[in-house]
Amino acid sequence: MKKTAVLAIALFTGSAAMAQDQAAPAANAALEACRAIEKDNRRLECYDAAMDALYGVDEELVTQREQVREDRFGLQSSENSLEPDSIEATISEVAADVRTGSVIVALDNGQIWDTTSNGSIKWRLKVGQRVTIAPGPFSGYRLRIEGVTGYQGVRRQK
């Protein structure tokens, strides 16, 4: 019985090592392919996918990455490919900037946006309103109030 158990362990260990040896060239090839990608965000996505394929997906890291992407939404960046399509939040504070004539909007997620001159929204922005901010069709960002037609152009301050 002991010999059978020892033999089974040896076979399992040997086959696991053999499978790992066979997976190593594929993993190395995937990592080498990632290395050749010029754009930082694309290269990072490639490395993450290769590591996930090799070691499995770490759900906690995936959640953390999504939070970072949401936190960076609307900030100036050379590459926005990892940016979410939109964010939803609640207005926590509204103030007028007398100097520029724009309205500054603080959201419950900590982001601060100010309005631009473009937009078709007829409602005043108020504390407690649920809003969605998404990229405009050509440039900039648009704020929409839940249940209200129209939009207000906005730009991220913080």
C-alpha atoms as a PDB file:
ATOM      1  CA  MET A   1       0.000   0.000   0.000  1.00  0.00           C
ATOM      2  CA  LYS A   2       2.810   2.415   0.906  1.00  0.00           C
ATOM      3  CA  LYS A   3       4.584   1.640  -2.365  1.00  0.00           C
ATOM      4  CA  THR A   4       1.398   2.443  -4.318  1.00  0.00           C
ATOM      5  CA  ALA A   5       0.982   5.779  -2.499  1.00  0.00           C
ATOM      6  CA  VAL A   6       4.629   6.683  -3.054  1.00  0.00           C
ATOM      7  CA  LEU A   7       4.349   5.706  -6.721  1.00  0.00           C
ATOM      8  CA  ALA A   8       1.165   7.769  -7.135  1.00  0.00           C
ATOM      9  CA  ILE A   9       2.798  10.811  -5.532  1.00  0.00           C
ATOM     10  CA  ALA A  10       5.877  10.415  -7.719  1.00  0.00           C
ATOM     11  CA  LEU A  11       3.743  10.105 -10.862  1.00  0.00           C
ATOM     12  CA  PHE A  12       1.621  13.105  -9.870  1.00  0.00           C
ATOM     13  CA  THR A  13       4.662  15.228  -9.050  1.00  0.00           C
ATOM     14  CA  GLY A  14       6.389  14.172 -12.259  1.00  0.00           C
ATOM     15  CA  SER A  15       3.315  14.831 -14.415  1.00  0.00           C
ATOM     16  CA  ALA A  16       2.722  18.232 -12.753  1.00  0.00           C
ATOM     17  CA  ALA A  17       6.349  19.197 -13.369  1.00  0.00           C
ATOM     18  CA  MET A  18       6.074  17.953 -16.945  1.00  0.00           C
ATOM     19  CA  ALA A  19       2.867  19.957 -17.503  1.00  0.00           C
ATOM     20  CA  GLN A  20       4.551  23.030 -16.039  1.00  0.00           C
ATOM     21  CA  ASP A  21       7.560  22.507 -18.319  1.00  0.00           C
ATOM     22  CA  GLN A  22       5.207  22.302 -21.307  1.00  0.00           C
ATOM     23  CA  ALA A  23       3.296  25.424 -20.203  1.00  0.00           C
ATOM     24  CA  ALA A  24       6.495  27.431 -19.699  1.00  0.00           C
ATOM     25  CA  PRO A  25       7.296  27.933 -23.427  1.00  0.00           C
ATOM     26  CA  ALA A  26       3.720  29.093 -24.110  1.00  0.00           C
ATOM     27  CA  ALA A  27       3.834  31.477 -21.132  1.00  0.00           C
ATOM     28  CA  ASN A  28       7.230  32.777 -22.209  1.00  0.00           C
ATOM     29  CA  ALA A  29       5.956  33.332 -25.743  1.00  0.00           C
ATOM     30  CA  ALA A  30       2.942  35.255 -24.407  1.00  0.00           C
ATOM     31  CA  LEU A  31       5.147  37.429 -22.206  1.00  0.00           C
ATOM     32  CA  GLU A  32       7.561  38.060 -25.090  1.00  0.00           C
ATOM     33  CA  ALA A  33       4.619  39.135 -27.274  1.00  0.00           C
ATOM     34  CA  CYS A  34       3.526  41.573 -24.542  1.00  0.00           C
ATOM     35  CA  ARG A  35       7.016  43.013 -24.307  1.00  0.00           C
ATOM     36  CA  ALA A  36       6.856  44.095 -27.967  1.00  0.00           C
ATOM     37  CA  ILE A  37       3.705  46.231 -27.514  1.00  0.00           C
ATOM     38  CA  GLU A  38       4.530  49.950 -27.608  1.00  0.00           C
ATOM     39  CA  LYS A  39       1.524  51.509 -25.835  1.00  0.00           C
ATOM     40  CA  ASP A  40       1.777  51.265 -22.055  1.00  0.00           C
ATOM     41  CA  ASN A  41      -1.896  50.472 -21.374  1.00  0.00           C
ATOM     42  CA  ARG A  42      -2.050  47.805 -24.064  1.00  0.00           C
ATOM     43  CA  ARG A  43       1.199  46.244 -22.857  1.00  0.00           C
ATOM     44  CA  LEU A  44      -0.094  46.149 -19.277  1.00  0.00           C
ATOM     45  CA  GLU A  45      -3.367  44.554 -20.397  1.00  0.00           C
ATOM     46  CA  CYS A  46      -1.337  41.914 -22.253  1.00  0.00           C
ATOM     47  CA  TYR A  47       0.849  41.154 -19.228  1.00  0.00           C
ATOM     48  CA  ASP A  48      -2.226  40.902 -16.981  1.00  0.00           C
ATOM     49  CA  ALA A  49      -3.908  38.483 -19.399  1.00  0.00           C
ATOM     50  CA  ALA A  50      -0.757  36.353 -19.676  1.00  0.00           C
ATOM     51  CA  MET A  51      -0.356  36.168 -15.893  1.00  0.00           C
ATOM     52  CA  ASP A  52      -4.062  35.379 -15.439  1.00  0.00           C
ATOM     53  CA  ALA A  53      -3.729  32.547 -17.958  1.00  0.00           C
ATOM     54  CA  LEU A  54      -0.686  31.209 -16.147  1.00  0.00           C
ATOM     55  CA  TYR A  55      -1.784  31.587 -12.515  1.00  0.00           C
ATOM     56  CA  GLY A  56      -5.543  32.161 -12.677  1.00  0.00           C
ATOM     57  CA  VAL A  57      -7.579  35.316 -12.198  1.00  0.00           C
ATOM     58  CA  ASP A  58      -7.186  37.163  -8.881  1.00  0.00           C
ATOM     59  CA  GLU A  59     -10.681  38.594  -8.321  1.00  0.00           C
ATOM     60  CA  GLU A  60      -9.466  41.009  -5.626  1.00  0.00           C
ATOM     61  CA  LEU A  61      -6.946  42.545  -8.047  1.00  0.00           C
ATOM     62  CA  VAL A  62      -9.602  42.790 -10.757  1.00  0.00           C
ATOM     63  CA  THR A  63     -11.843  44.734  -8.353  1.00  0.00           C
ATOM     64  CA  GLN A  64      -8.966  47.032  -7.354  1.00  0.00           C
ATOM     65  CA  ARG A  65      -8.100  47.708 -10.998  1.00  0.00           C
ATOM     66  CA  GLU A  66     -11.719  48.604 -11.805  1.00  0.00           C
ATOM     67  CA  GLN A  67     -11.774  51.054  -8.890  1.00  0.00           C
ATOM     68  CA  VAL A  68      -8.567  52.731 -10.084  1.00  0.00           C
ATOM     69  CA  ARG A  69     -10.024  53.091 -13.586  1.00  0.00           C
ATOM     70  CA  GLU A  70     -13.165  54.685 -12.181  1.00  0.00           C
ATOM     71  CA  ASP A  71     -11.131  57.012  -9.945  1.00  0.00           C
ATOM     72  CA  ARG A  72      -9.096  58.204 -12.957  1.00  0.00           C
ATOM     73  CA  PHE A  73     -12.168  58.699 -15.197  1.00  0.00           C
ATOM     74  CA  GLY A  74     -12.037  62.107 -16.894  1.00  0.00           C
ATOM     75  CA  LEU A  75      -8.490  63.031 -15.918  1.00  0.00           C
ATOM     76  CA  GLN A  76      -6.017  64.043 -18.596  1.00  0.00           C
ATOM     77  CA  SER A  77      -4.221  60.999 -19.919  1.00  0.00           C
ATOM     78  CA  SER A  78      -2.258  60.154 -23.026  1.00  0.00           C
ATOM     79  CA  GLU A  79      -4.080  56.844 -23.289  1.00  0.00           C
ATOM     80  CA  ASN A  80      -7.674  56.408 -22.133  1.00  0.00           C
ATOM     81  CA  SER A  81      -8.205  52.894 -23.419  1.00  0.00           C
ATOM     82  CA  LEU A  82      -8.685  51.506 -19.902  1.00  0.00           C
ATOM     83  CA  GLU A  83     -11.183  54.185 -18.926  1.00  0.00           C
ATOM     84  CA  PRO A  84     -14.750  53.005 -18.212  1.00  0.00           C
ATOM     85  CA  ASP A  85     -17.524  53.982 -20.639  1.00  0.00           C
ATOM     86  CA  SER A  86     -19.204  56.178 -18.008  1.00  0.00           C
ATOM     87  CA  ILE A  87     -19.592  56.749 -14.287  1.00  0.00           C
ATOM     88  CA  GLU A  88     -22.681  57.194 -12.140  1.00  0.00           C
ATOM     89  CA  ALA A  89     -22.659  59.228  -8.943  1.00  0.00           C
ATOM     90  CA  THR A  90     -24.724  61.528  -6.755  1.00  0.00           C
ATOM     91  CA  ILE A  91     -24.093  65.262  -6.531  1.00  0.00           C
ATOM     92  CA  SER A  92     -22.825  66.079  -3.047  1.00  0.00           C
ATOM     93  CA  GLU A  93     -22.124  69.805  -3.522  1.00  0.00           C
ATOM     94  CA  VAL A  94     -22.791  72.519  -6.112  1.00  0.00           C
ATOM     95  CA  ALA A  95     -21.039  75.905  -6.214  1.00  0.00           C
ATOM     96  CA  ALA A  96     -20.793  78.735  -8.724  1.00  0.00           C
ATOM     97  CA  ASP A  97     -17.390  79.929  -9.854  1.00  0.00           C
ATOM     98  CA  VAL A  98     -17.942  83.695 -10.093  1.00  0.00           C
ATOM     99  CA  ARG A  99     -14.613  84.189 -11.865  1.00  0.00           C
ATOM    100  CA  THR A 100     -15.450  81.904 -14.814  1.00  0.00           C
ATOM    101  CA  GLY A 101     -19.236  81.732 -14.641  1.00  0.00           C
ATOM    102  CA  SER A 102     -19.161  77.935 -14.515  1.00  0.00           C
ATOM    103  CA  VAL A 103     -20.796  75.681 -11.959  1.00  0.00           C
ATOM    104  CA  ILE A 104     -18.577  73.360  -9.929  1.00  0.00           C
ATOM    105  CA  VAL A 105     -20.048  69.990  -9.057  1.00  0.00           C
ATOM    106  CA  ALA A 106     -18.651  67.681  -6.366  1.00  0.00           C
ATOM    107  CA  LEU A 107     -19.736  64.054  -6.536  1.00  0.00           C
ATOM    108  CA  ASP A 108     -20.102  61.501  -3.756  1.00  0.00           C
ATOM    109  CA  ASN A 109     -17.174  59.521  -5.224  1.00  0.00           C
ATOM    110  CA  GLY A 110     -14.789  62.434  -4.521  1.00  0.00           C
ATOM    111  CA  GLN A 111     -14.554  63.699  -8.100  1.00  0.00           C
ATOM    112  CA  ILE A 112     -14.966  67.408  -8.885  1.00  0.00           C
ATOM    113  CA  TRP A 113     -16.194  68.600 -12.278  1.00  0.00           C
ATOM    114  CA  ASP A 114     -16.967  72.039 -13.652  1.00  0.00           C
ATOM    115  CA  THR A 115     -19.425  72.907 -16.369  1.00  0.00           C
ATOM    116  CA  THR A 116     -18.485  74.151 -19.813  1.00  0.00           C
ATOM    117  CA  SER A 117     -20.506  76.427 -22.058  1.00  0.00           C
ATOM    118  CA  ASN A 118     -21.950  73.677 -24.202  1.00  0.00           C
ATOM    119  CA  GLY A 119     -25.047  71.725 -23.253  1.00  0.00           C
ATOM    120  CA  SER A 120     -28.786  71.541 -23.618  1.00  0.00           C
ATOM    121  CA  ILE A 121     -29.856  70.814 -20.064  1.00  0.00           C
ATOM    122  CA  LYS A 122     -32.651  73.059 -18.741  1.00  0.00           C
ATOM    123  CA  TRP A 123     -32.469  71.946 -15.097  1.00  0.00           C
ATOM    124  CA  ARG A 124     -30.301  73.370 -12.347  1.00  0.00           C
ATOM    125  CA  LEU A 125     -27.793  71.006 -10.841  1.00  0.00           C
ATOM    126  CA  LYS A 126     -28.734  70.255  -7.223  1.00  0.00           C
ATOM    127  CA  VAL A 127     -27.329  68.261  -4.317  1.00  0.00           C
ATOM    128  CA  GLY A 128     -28.761  64.736  -4.238  1.00  0.00           C
ATOM    129  CA  GLN A 129     -29.342  64.397  -7.994  1.00  0.00           C
ATOM    130  CA  ARG A 130     -28.123  61.145  -9.522  1.00  0.00           C
ATOM    131  CA  VAL A 131     -25.961  61.845 -12.593  1.00  0.00           C
ATOM    132  CA  THR A 132     -24.113  59.941 -15.288  1.00  0.00           C
ATOM    133  CA  ILE A 133     -20.969  61.329 -16.900  1.00  0.00           C
ATOM    134  CA  ALA A 134     -19.811  59.889 -20.221  1.00  0.00           C
ATOM    135  CA  PRO A 135     -17.477  60.974 -23.026  1.00  0.00           C
ATOM    136  CA  GLY A 136     -19.085  63.163 -25.687  1.00  0.00           C
ATOM    137  CA  PRO A 137     -19.278  61.958 -29.288  1.00  0.00           C
ATOM    138  CA  PHE A 138     -16.305  64.049 -30.431  1.00  0.00           C
ATOM    139  CA  SER A 139     -14.507  65.301 -27.329  1.00  0.00           C
ATOM    140  CA  GLY A 140     -15.062  66.299 -23.734  1.00  0.00           C
ATOM    141  CA  TYR A 141     -17.557  64.821 -21.300  1.00  0.00           C
ATOM    142  CA  ARG A 142     -21.307  65.126 -20.840  1.00  0.00           C
ATOM    143  CA  LEU A 143     -23.209  65.110 -17.569  1.00  0.00           C
ATOM    144  CA  ARG A 144     -26.780  63.837 -17.641  1.00  0.00           C
ATOM    145  CA  ILE A 145     -29.251  64.019 -14.771  1.00  0.00           C
ATOM    146  CA  GLU A 146     -31.192  60.821 -14.152  1.00  0.00           C
ATOM    147  CA  GLY A 147     -34.715  61.167 -15.592  1.00  0.00           C
ATOM    148  CA  VAL A 148     -34.023  64.522 -17.308  1.00  0.00           C
ATOM    149  CA  THR A 149     -33.593  65.129 -21.034  1.00  0.00           C
ATOM    150  CA  GLY A 150     -30.472  66.952 -22.187  1.00  0.00           C
ATOM    151  CA  TYR A 151     -26.872  67.168 -21.053  1.00  0.00           C
ATOM    152  CA  GLN A 152     -24.330  69.601 -19.673  1.00  0.00           C
ATOM    153  CA  GLY A 153     -20.739  69.703 -20.888  1.00  0.00           C
ATOM    154  CA  VAL A 154     -18.266  69.148 -18.047  1.00  0.00           C
ATOM    155  CA  ARG A 155     -14.534  68.774 -17.488  1.00  0.00           C
ATOM    156  CA  ARG A 156     -12.814  66.991 -14.612  1.00  0.00           C
ATOM    157  CA  GLN A 157     -10.983  69.162 -12.091  1.00  0.00           C
ATOM    158  CA  LYS A 158     -10.075  66.587  -9.448  1.00  0.00           C
END
